[in-house]
N, C-alpha and C. Protein backbone atom coordinates (compact mmCIF):
# COMPACT_ATOMS: atom_id res chain seq x y z
N ALA A 1 18.94 -5.49 -3.14
CA ALA A 1 17.88 -6.31 -2.84
C ALA A 1 16.89 -5.44 -2.09
N THR A 2 15.55 -5.88 -2.29
CA THR A 2 14.50 -5.07 -1.45
C THR A 2 13.68 -6.30 -0.85
N TYR A 3 13.49 -6.04 0.40
CA TYR A 3 12.74 -6.93 1.27
C TYR A 3 11.34 -6.27 1.67
N LYS A 4 10.27 -7.21 1.68
CA LYS A 4 9.14 -6.74 2.36
C LYS A 4 9.18 -7.16 3.85
N VAL A 5 9.05 -6.32 4.69
CA VAL A 5 9.37 -6.56 6.27
C VAL A 5 8.07 -6.26 7.07
N LEU A 6 8.26 -6.52 8.15
CA LEU A 6 7.32 -6.09 9.41
C LEU A 6 8.30 -5.48 10.39
N TYR A 7 7.85 -4.27 10.87
CA TYR A 7 8.79 -3.49 11.80
C TYR A 7 7.95 -2.95 12.86
N THR A 8 8.63 -2.73 14.08
CA THR A 8 8.04 -1.99 15.20
C THR A 8 9.21 -1.23 16.04
N GLN A 9 8.60 -0.23 16.71
CA GLN A 9 9.52 0.57 17.52
C GLN A 9 9.27 0.25 18.93
N GLN A 10 8.33 -0.70 19.04
CA GLN A 10 8.12 -1.20 20.48
C GLN A 10 8.93 -2.20 20.87
N LEU A 11 10.20 -1.90 21.21
CA LEU A 11 11.24 -2.87 21.45
C LEU A 11 11.06 -3.53 22.99
N THR A 12 10.50 -2.87 23.82
CA THR A 12 10.44 -3.49 25.25
C THR A 12 8.92 -3.88 25.50
N LYS A 13 8.07 -3.64 24.77
CA LYS A 13 6.71 -3.92 25.02
C LYS A 13 6.57 -5.41 24.85
N LYS A 14 5.77 -6.17 25.62
CA LYS A 14 5.66 -7.58 25.55
C LYS A 14 4.77 -8.00 24.27
N ALA A 15 3.62 -7.36 24.14
CA ALA A 15 2.71 -7.58 22.91
C ALA A 15 2.90 -6.48 21.90
N LYS A 16 3.98 -6.74 20.96
CA LYS A 16 4.31 -5.80 19.89
C LYS A 16 3.31 -5.68 18.92
N THR A 17 3.10 -4.40 18.32
CA THR A 17 2.35 -4.16 17.13
C THR A 17 3.25 -4.04 16.02
N PHE A 18 3.22 -4.77 14.92
CA PHE A 18 4.10 -4.70 13.73
C PHE A 18 3.34 -3.94 12.71
N GLN A 19 4.20 -3.24 11.90
CA GLN A 19 3.61 -2.56 10.64
C GLN A 19 4.25 -2.98 9.36
N ASP A 20 3.70 -2.94 8.24
CA ASP A 20 4.23 -3.19 7.05
C ASP A 20 5.20 -2.27 6.54
N GLY A 21 6.20 -2.71 5.88
CA GLY A 21 7.38 -1.81 5.36
C GLY A 21 8.23 -2.53 4.46
N PHE A 22 9.45 -1.91 4.06
CA PHE A 22 10.27 -2.38 3.14
C PHE A 22 11.69 -2.04 3.64
N VAL A 23 12.66 -2.80 3.29
CA VAL A 23 14.20 -2.62 3.41
C VAL A 23 14.66 -2.65 2.00
N HIS A 24 15.29 -1.49 1.62
CA HIS A 24 15.96 -1.26 0.30
C HIS A 24 17.37 -1.13 0.37
N ALA A 25 18.12 -1.92 -0.39
CA ALA A 25 19.55 -1.86 -0.19
C ALA A 25 20.16 -1.34 -1.56
N VAL A 26 21.06 -0.39 -1.39
CA VAL A 26 21.63 0.31 -2.64
C VAL A 26 23.15 0.30 -2.31
N GLN A 27 23.98 -0.14 -3.31
CA GLN A 27 25.38 0.08 -3.14
C GLN A 27 25.99 1.27 -3.84
N VAL A 28 26.66 2.02 -3.15
CA VAL A 28 27.20 3.30 -3.73
C VAL A 28 28.53 3.59 -3.21
N HIS A 29 29.59 3.63 -3.90
CA HIS A 29 30.94 4.02 -3.61
C HIS A 29 31.53 3.08 -2.74
N GLY A 30 31.30 1.72 -2.70
CA GLY A 30 32.03 0.75 -1.88
C GLY A 30 31.31 0.53 -0.61
N THR A 31 29.99 1.19 -0.26
CA THR A 31 29.34 0.87 0.95
C THR A 31 27.91 0.65 0.47
N ILE A 32 27.18 -0.27 1.23
CA ILE A 32 25.86 -0.53 0.98
C ILE A 32 24.87 0.22 2.05
N THR A 33 23.91 0.88 1.47
CA THR A 33 23.03 1.57 2.36
C THR A 33 21.81 0.83 2.45
N TYR A 34 21.21 0.39 3.59
CA TYR A 34 20.02 -0.08 3.79
C TYR A 34 18.98 0.88 4.46
N ARG A 35 17.98 1.01 3.68
CA ARG A 35 16.91 1.97 4.10
C ARG A 35 15.74 1.25 4.50
N LEU A 36 15.16 1.59 5.79
CA LEU A 36 14.07 1.15 6.24
C LEU A 36 12.81 2.05 5.81
N LEU A 37 11.93 1.61 5.11
CA LEU A 37 10.81 2.33 4.59
C LEU A 37 9.50 1.97 5.20
N ASP A 38 8.47 2.93 5.23
CA ASP A 38 7.19 2.46 5.70
C ASP A 38 6.49 1.99 4.44
N ASP A 39 5.22 1.54 4.73
CA ASP A 39 4.50 1.07 3.50
C ASP A 39 4.04 2.18 2.57
N CYS A 40 4.32 3.37 2.72
CA CYS A 40 4.08 4.51 1.78
C CYS A 40 5.44 4.82 1.08
N GLY A 41 6.50 4.21 1.48
CA GLY A 41 7.84 4.53 0.86
C GLY A 41 8.66 5.60 1.65
N GLN A 42 8.15 6.08 2.68
CA GLN A 42 8.82 7.21 3.46
C GLN A 42 9.92 6.52 4.22
N GLN A 43 11.07 7.07 4.20
CA GLN A 43 12.17 6.50 4.87
C GLN A 43 12.04 6.77 6.49
N LEU A 44 12.32 5.68 7.20
CA LEU A 44 12.21 5.77 8.61
C LEU A 44 13.63 6.00 9.16
N THR A 45 14.58 5.13 8.68
CA THR A 45 15.93 5.28 9.02
C THR A 45 16.87 4.43 8.22
N SER A 46 18.12 4.65 8.26
CA SER A 46 19.01 3.86 7.30
C SER A 46 20.32 3.56 8.06
N THR A 47 21.03 2.75 7.36
CA THR A 47 22.38 2.47 8.05
C THR A 47 23.24 2.07 6.79
N ARG A 48 24.51 2.30 6.95
CA ARG A 48 25.55 2.07 5.81
C ARG A 48 26.55 0.94 6.36
N LEU A 49 26.75 -0.09 5.43
CA LEU A 49 27.61 -1.18 5.75
C LEU A 49 28.63 -1.37 4.74
N SER A 50 29.84 -1.95 5.02
CA SER A 50 30.70 -2.31 4.09
C SER A 50 30.23 -3.68 3.42
N PRO A 51 30.58 -3.87 2.26
CA PRO A 51 30.19 -5.06 1.50
C PRO A 51 30.44 -6.43 2.32
N GLN A 52 31.52 -6.37 3.04
CA GLN A 52 31.83 -7.55 3.97
C GLN A 52 30.80 -7.67 5.09
N GLN A 53 30.51 -6.52 5.78
CA GLN A 53 29.41 -6.63 6.74
C GLN A 53 28.07 -6.97 6.22
N ALA A 54 27.75 -6.44 5.10
CA ALA A 54 26.48 -6.76 4.44
C ALA A 54 26.29 -8.24 4.11
N LYS A 55 27.55 -8.64 3.55
CA LYS A 55 27.46 -10.22 3.20
C LYS A 55 27.31 -11.17 4.39
N ARG A 56 27.75 -10.72 5.68
CA ARG A 56 27.49 -11.32 6.86
C ARG A 56 26.21 -11.37 7.25
N ILE A 57 25.40 -10.22 7.17
CA ILE A 57 24.18 -10.16 7.81
C ILE A 57 22.91 -10.62 6.90
N GLU A 58 23.32 -10.58 5.38
CA GLU A 58 22.31 -10.97 4.73
C GLU A 58 21.58 -12.31 4.76
N GLY A 59 22.48 -13.37 5.28
CA GLY A 59 21.91 -14.56 5.46
C GLY A 59 21.61 -14.92 6.90
N SER A 60 21.57 -14.04 7.89
CA SER A 60 21.36 -14.34 9.29
C SER A 60 20.45 -13.57 10.00
N ASP A 61 20.21 -13.71 11.16
CA ASP A 61 19.17 -12.98 11.97
C ASP A 61 19.62 -11.62 12.31
N GLU A 62 20.85 -11.26 11.91
CA GLU A 62 21.22 -9.87 12.15
C GLU A 62 20.56 -8.75 11.52
N LEU A 63 19.85 -9.24 10.23
CA LEU A 63 19.03 -8.30 9.60
C LEU A 63 17.98 -7.79 10.49
N LEU A 64 17.64 -8.64 11.45
CA LEU A 64 16.52 -8.23 12.38
C LEU A 64 16.99 -7.10 13.43
N SER A 65 18.35 -7.05 13.74
CA SER A 65 18.67 -6.37 14.86
C SER A 65 19.60 -5.15 14.53
N PHE A 66 20.08 -4.81 13.32
CA PHE A 66 20.93 -3.71 13.25
C PHE A 66 20.38 -2.28 13.05
N TRP A 67 19.13 -2.13 13.29
CA TRP A 67 18.36 -0.90 13.19
C TRP A 67 18.23 -0.20 14.58
N ASP A 68 18.64 1.10 14.58
CA ASP A 68 18.56 1.70 15.77
C ASP A 68 17.16 2.12 16.11
N GLY A 69 16.63 1.64 17.21
CA GLY A 69 15.29 1.91 17.52
C GLY A 69 14.07 1.09 16.89
N PHE A 70 14.49 0.33 16.11
CA PHE A 70 13.44 -0.72 15.35
C PHE A 70 13.71 -2.16 15.44
N LEU A 71 12.78 -2.84 15.50
CA LEU A 71 12.91 -4.33 15.38
C LEU A 71 12.31 -4.74 13.96
N VAL A 72 13.04 -5.32 13.17
CA VAL A 72 12.71 -5.51 11.58
C VAL A 72 12.71 -7.16 11.51
N GLN A 73 11.52 -7.49 10.95
CA GLN A 73 11.57 -8.97 10.61
C GLN A 73 11.31 -9.09 9.12
N PRO A 74 12.17 -9.72 8.33
CA PRO A 74 11.95 -9.94 6.98
C PRO A 74 10.77 -10.79 6.60
N ASP A 75 9.95 -10.51 5.60
CA ASP A 75 8.92 -11.34 5.16
C ASP A 75 9.28 -12.09 3.99
N TYR A 76 9.62 -11.27 2.87
CA TYR A 76 10.20 -12.02 1.61
C TYR A 76 10.98 -10.97 0.72
N ILE A 77 11.76 -11.56 -0.18
CA ILE A 77 12.31 -10.55 -1.03
C ILE A 77 11.27 -10.10 -2.04
N CYS A 78 11.32 -8.95 -2.38
CA CYS A 78 10.25 -8.38 -3.33
C CYS A 78 10.93 -7.45 -4.49
N ASP A 79 10.15 -7.25 -5.34
CA ASP A 79 10.63 -6.41 -6.53
C ASP A 79 10.55 -4.98 -6.06
N PRO A 80 11.61 -4.24 -6.49
CA PRO A 80 11.75 -2.81 -5.89
C PRO A 80 10.59 -2.00 -6.57
N ASN A 81 9.88 -2.41 -7.53
CA ASN A 81 8.69 -1.66 -8.04
C ASN A 81 7.56 -1.73 -7.10
N GLU A 82 7.47 -2.71 -6.07
CA GLU A 82 6.36 -2.80 -5.19
C GLU A 82 6.55 -1.77 -4.13
N VAL A 83 7.59 -1.05 -4.02
CA VAL A 83 7.79 0.04 -2.95
C VAL A 83 7.20 1.41 -3.55
N PRO A 84 6.16 1.94 -2.98
CA PRO A 84 5.76 3.17 -3.50
C PRO A 84 6.77 4.15 -3.34
N GLY A 85 6.82 4.95 -4.43
CA GLY A 85 7.61 6.01 -4.59
C GLY A 85 9.08 5.81 -4.80
N LEU A 86 9.48 4.65 -4.70
CA LEU A 86 10.87 4.06 -5.02
C LEU A 86 11.17 4.53 -6.37
N LYS A 87 10.40 4.14 -7.35
CA LYS A 87 10.72 4.47 -8.85
C LYS A 87 10.73 6.06 -9.04
N SER A 88 9.88 6.81 -8.43
CA SER A 88 9.96 8.13 -8.69
C SER A 88 11.18 8.83 -8.21
N ARG A 89 11.71 8.30 -7.09
CA ARG A 89 12.99 8.82 -6.41
C ARG A 89 14.06 8.58 -7.45
N SER A 90 14.10 7.42 -8.11
CA SER A 90 15.12 7.22 -9.03
C SER A 90 14.82 7.64 -10.42
N GLY A 91 13.71 8.36 -10.57
CA GLY A 91 13.51 8.99 -11.90
C GLY A 91 13.06 8.11 -13.07
N SER A 92 12.59 6.97 -12.65
CA SER A 92 12.37 5.91 -13.89
C SER A 92 10.73 5.50 -13.91
N GLY A 93 9.88 6.53 -13.91
CA GLY A 93 8.52 6.24 -14.35
C GLY A 93 7.54 6.28 -13.10
N ALA A 94 6.45 5.59 -13.49
CA ALA A 94 5.13 5.62 -12.73
C ALA A 94 5.35 4.89 -11.39
N LEU A 95 4.47 5.15 -10.38
CA LEU A 95 4.54 4.30 -9.05
C LEU A 95 3.70 3.11 -9.20
N THR A 96 4.16 2.31 -8.56
CA THR A 96 3.27 0.86 -8.40
C THR A 96 2.81 0.70 -6.98
N THR A 97 1.56 1.04 -6.58
CA THR A 97 1.05 0.99 -5.32
C THR A 97 -0.26 0.08 -5.25
N GLY A 98 -0.67 -0.13 -4.07
CA GLY A 98 -1.96 -0.78 -3.68
C GLY A 98 -1.91 -2.31 -3.98
N LYS A 99 -1.06 -3.00 -4.06
CA LYS A 99 -1.09 -4.51 -4.37
C LYS A 99 -1.52 -5.08 -2.99
N THR A 100 -2.41 -6.11 -3.12
CA THR A 100 -2.73 -6.76 -1.92
C THR A 100 -1.92 -7.98 -2.13
N GLU A 101 -1.81 -8.74 -0.81
CA GLU A 101 -1.29 -10.06 -0.96
C GLU A 101 -1.80 -11.04 -1.81
N ALA A 102 -3.18 -11.01 -2.03
CA ALA A 102 -3.72 -11.95 -2.94
C ALA A 102 -3.53 -11.60 -4.43
N SER A 103 -3.45 -10.25 -4.66
CA SER A 103 -3.12 -9.86 -6.24
C SER A 103 -1.67 -10.16 -6.40
N ARG A 104 -0.80 -10.14 -5.42
CA ARG A 104 0.75 -10.32 -5.61
C ARG A 104 1.00 -11.87 -5.85
N ALA A 105 0.13 -12.73 -5.01
CA ALA A 105 0.24 -14.09 -5.16
C ALA A 105 -0.25 -14.47 -6.54
N ALA A 106 -1.32 -13.84 -7.05
CA ALA A 106 -1.95 -14.26 -8.35
C ALA A 106 -0.92 -13.91 -9.43
N ALA A 107 -0.16 -12.77 -9.21
CA ALA A 107 0.77 -12.29 -10.23
C ALA A 107 2.05 -13.04 -10.33
N THR A 108 2.22 -13.85 -9.31
CA THR A 108 3.50 -14.53 -9.35
C THR A 108 3.23 -16.01 -9.60
N GLY A 109 4.11 -16.68 -10.42
CA GLY A 109 3.85 -18.12 -10.63
C GLY A 109 4.39 -18.88 -9.48
N PRO A 110 4.13 -20.26 -9.37
CA PRO A 110 4.57 -21.11 -8.43
C PRO A 110 6.07 -21.15 -8.14
N ALA A 111 6.68 -21.13 -9.31
CA ALA A 111 8.14 -21.24 -9.18
C ALA A 111 8.71 -19.90 -8.52
N GLN A 112 8.18 -18.82 -8.72
CA GLN A 112 8.67 -17.55 -8.13
C GLN A 112 8.25 -17.45 -6.64
N GLN A 113 6.96 -18.09 -6.21
CA GLN A 113 6.55 -18.14 -4.86
C GLN A 113 7.50 -19.11 -4.18
N GLN A 114 8.00 -20.23 -4.78
CA GLN A 114 8.78 -21.07 -4.10
C GLN A 114 10.21 -20.57 -3.91
N ARG A 115 10.82 -19.75 -4.94
CA ARG A 115 12.01 -19.09 -4.84
C ARG A 115 12.08 -18.14 -3.47
N GLN A 116 10.75 -17.38 -3.52
CA GLN A 116 10.64 -16.43 -2.49
C GLN A 116 10.55 -17.11 -1.15
N GLN A 117 9.95 -18.18 -0.90
CA GLN A 117 9.86 -18.95 0.29
C GLN A 117 11.21 -19.41 0.63
N GLN A 118 12.18 -19.95 -0.28
CA GLN A 118 13.48 -20.41 -0.02
C GLN A 118 14.30 -19.18 0.43
N GLN A 119 14.15 -17.97 -0.12
CA GLN A 119 15.00 -16.80 0.21
C GLN A 119 14.62 -16.38 1.58
N LEU A 120 13.41 -16.45 1.91
CA LEU A 120 12.85 -16.08 3.23
C LEU A 120 13.47 -16.99 4.26
N GLN A 121 13.38 -18.31 3.93
CA GLN A 121 13.94 -19.36 4.93
C GLN A 121 15.46 -19.11 5.04
N ALA A 122 16.11 -18.57 4.06
CA ALA A 122 17.65 -18.49 3.99
C ALA A 122 17.85 -17.16 5.12
N LEU A 123 16.98 -16.29 5.09
CA LEU A 123 17.04 -15.09 6.07
C LEU A 123 16.76 -15.50 7.45
N MET A 124 15.88 -16.40 7.56
CA MET A 124 15.60 -16.72 9.05
C MET A 124 16.46 -17.89 9.55
């Protein structure tokens, strides 16, 4: 799964400044690696979890708290193609960059927007 997120390293500051980013999950050899990426697709940090641990956090607020040095707030589940550079790292074609919220909303139908809202609500 890939999530559009807001993240900050300002853990103790009262008025935090959040930045756009992504969390991308990949399962390899029985573990799931969650990578926190900035809005350019550069990896900031990652963590590995067992499938049991991942299943426990995927529907809870723990997705917000398991990053060392980062506070992460999920926004919505997104298509992995929205992450700049992600396709190039997997070797499958051109990059998709520069989508604005308005163009993303226009590109998705009402049913998909409703699904994304339901998925976001399930995360919070």
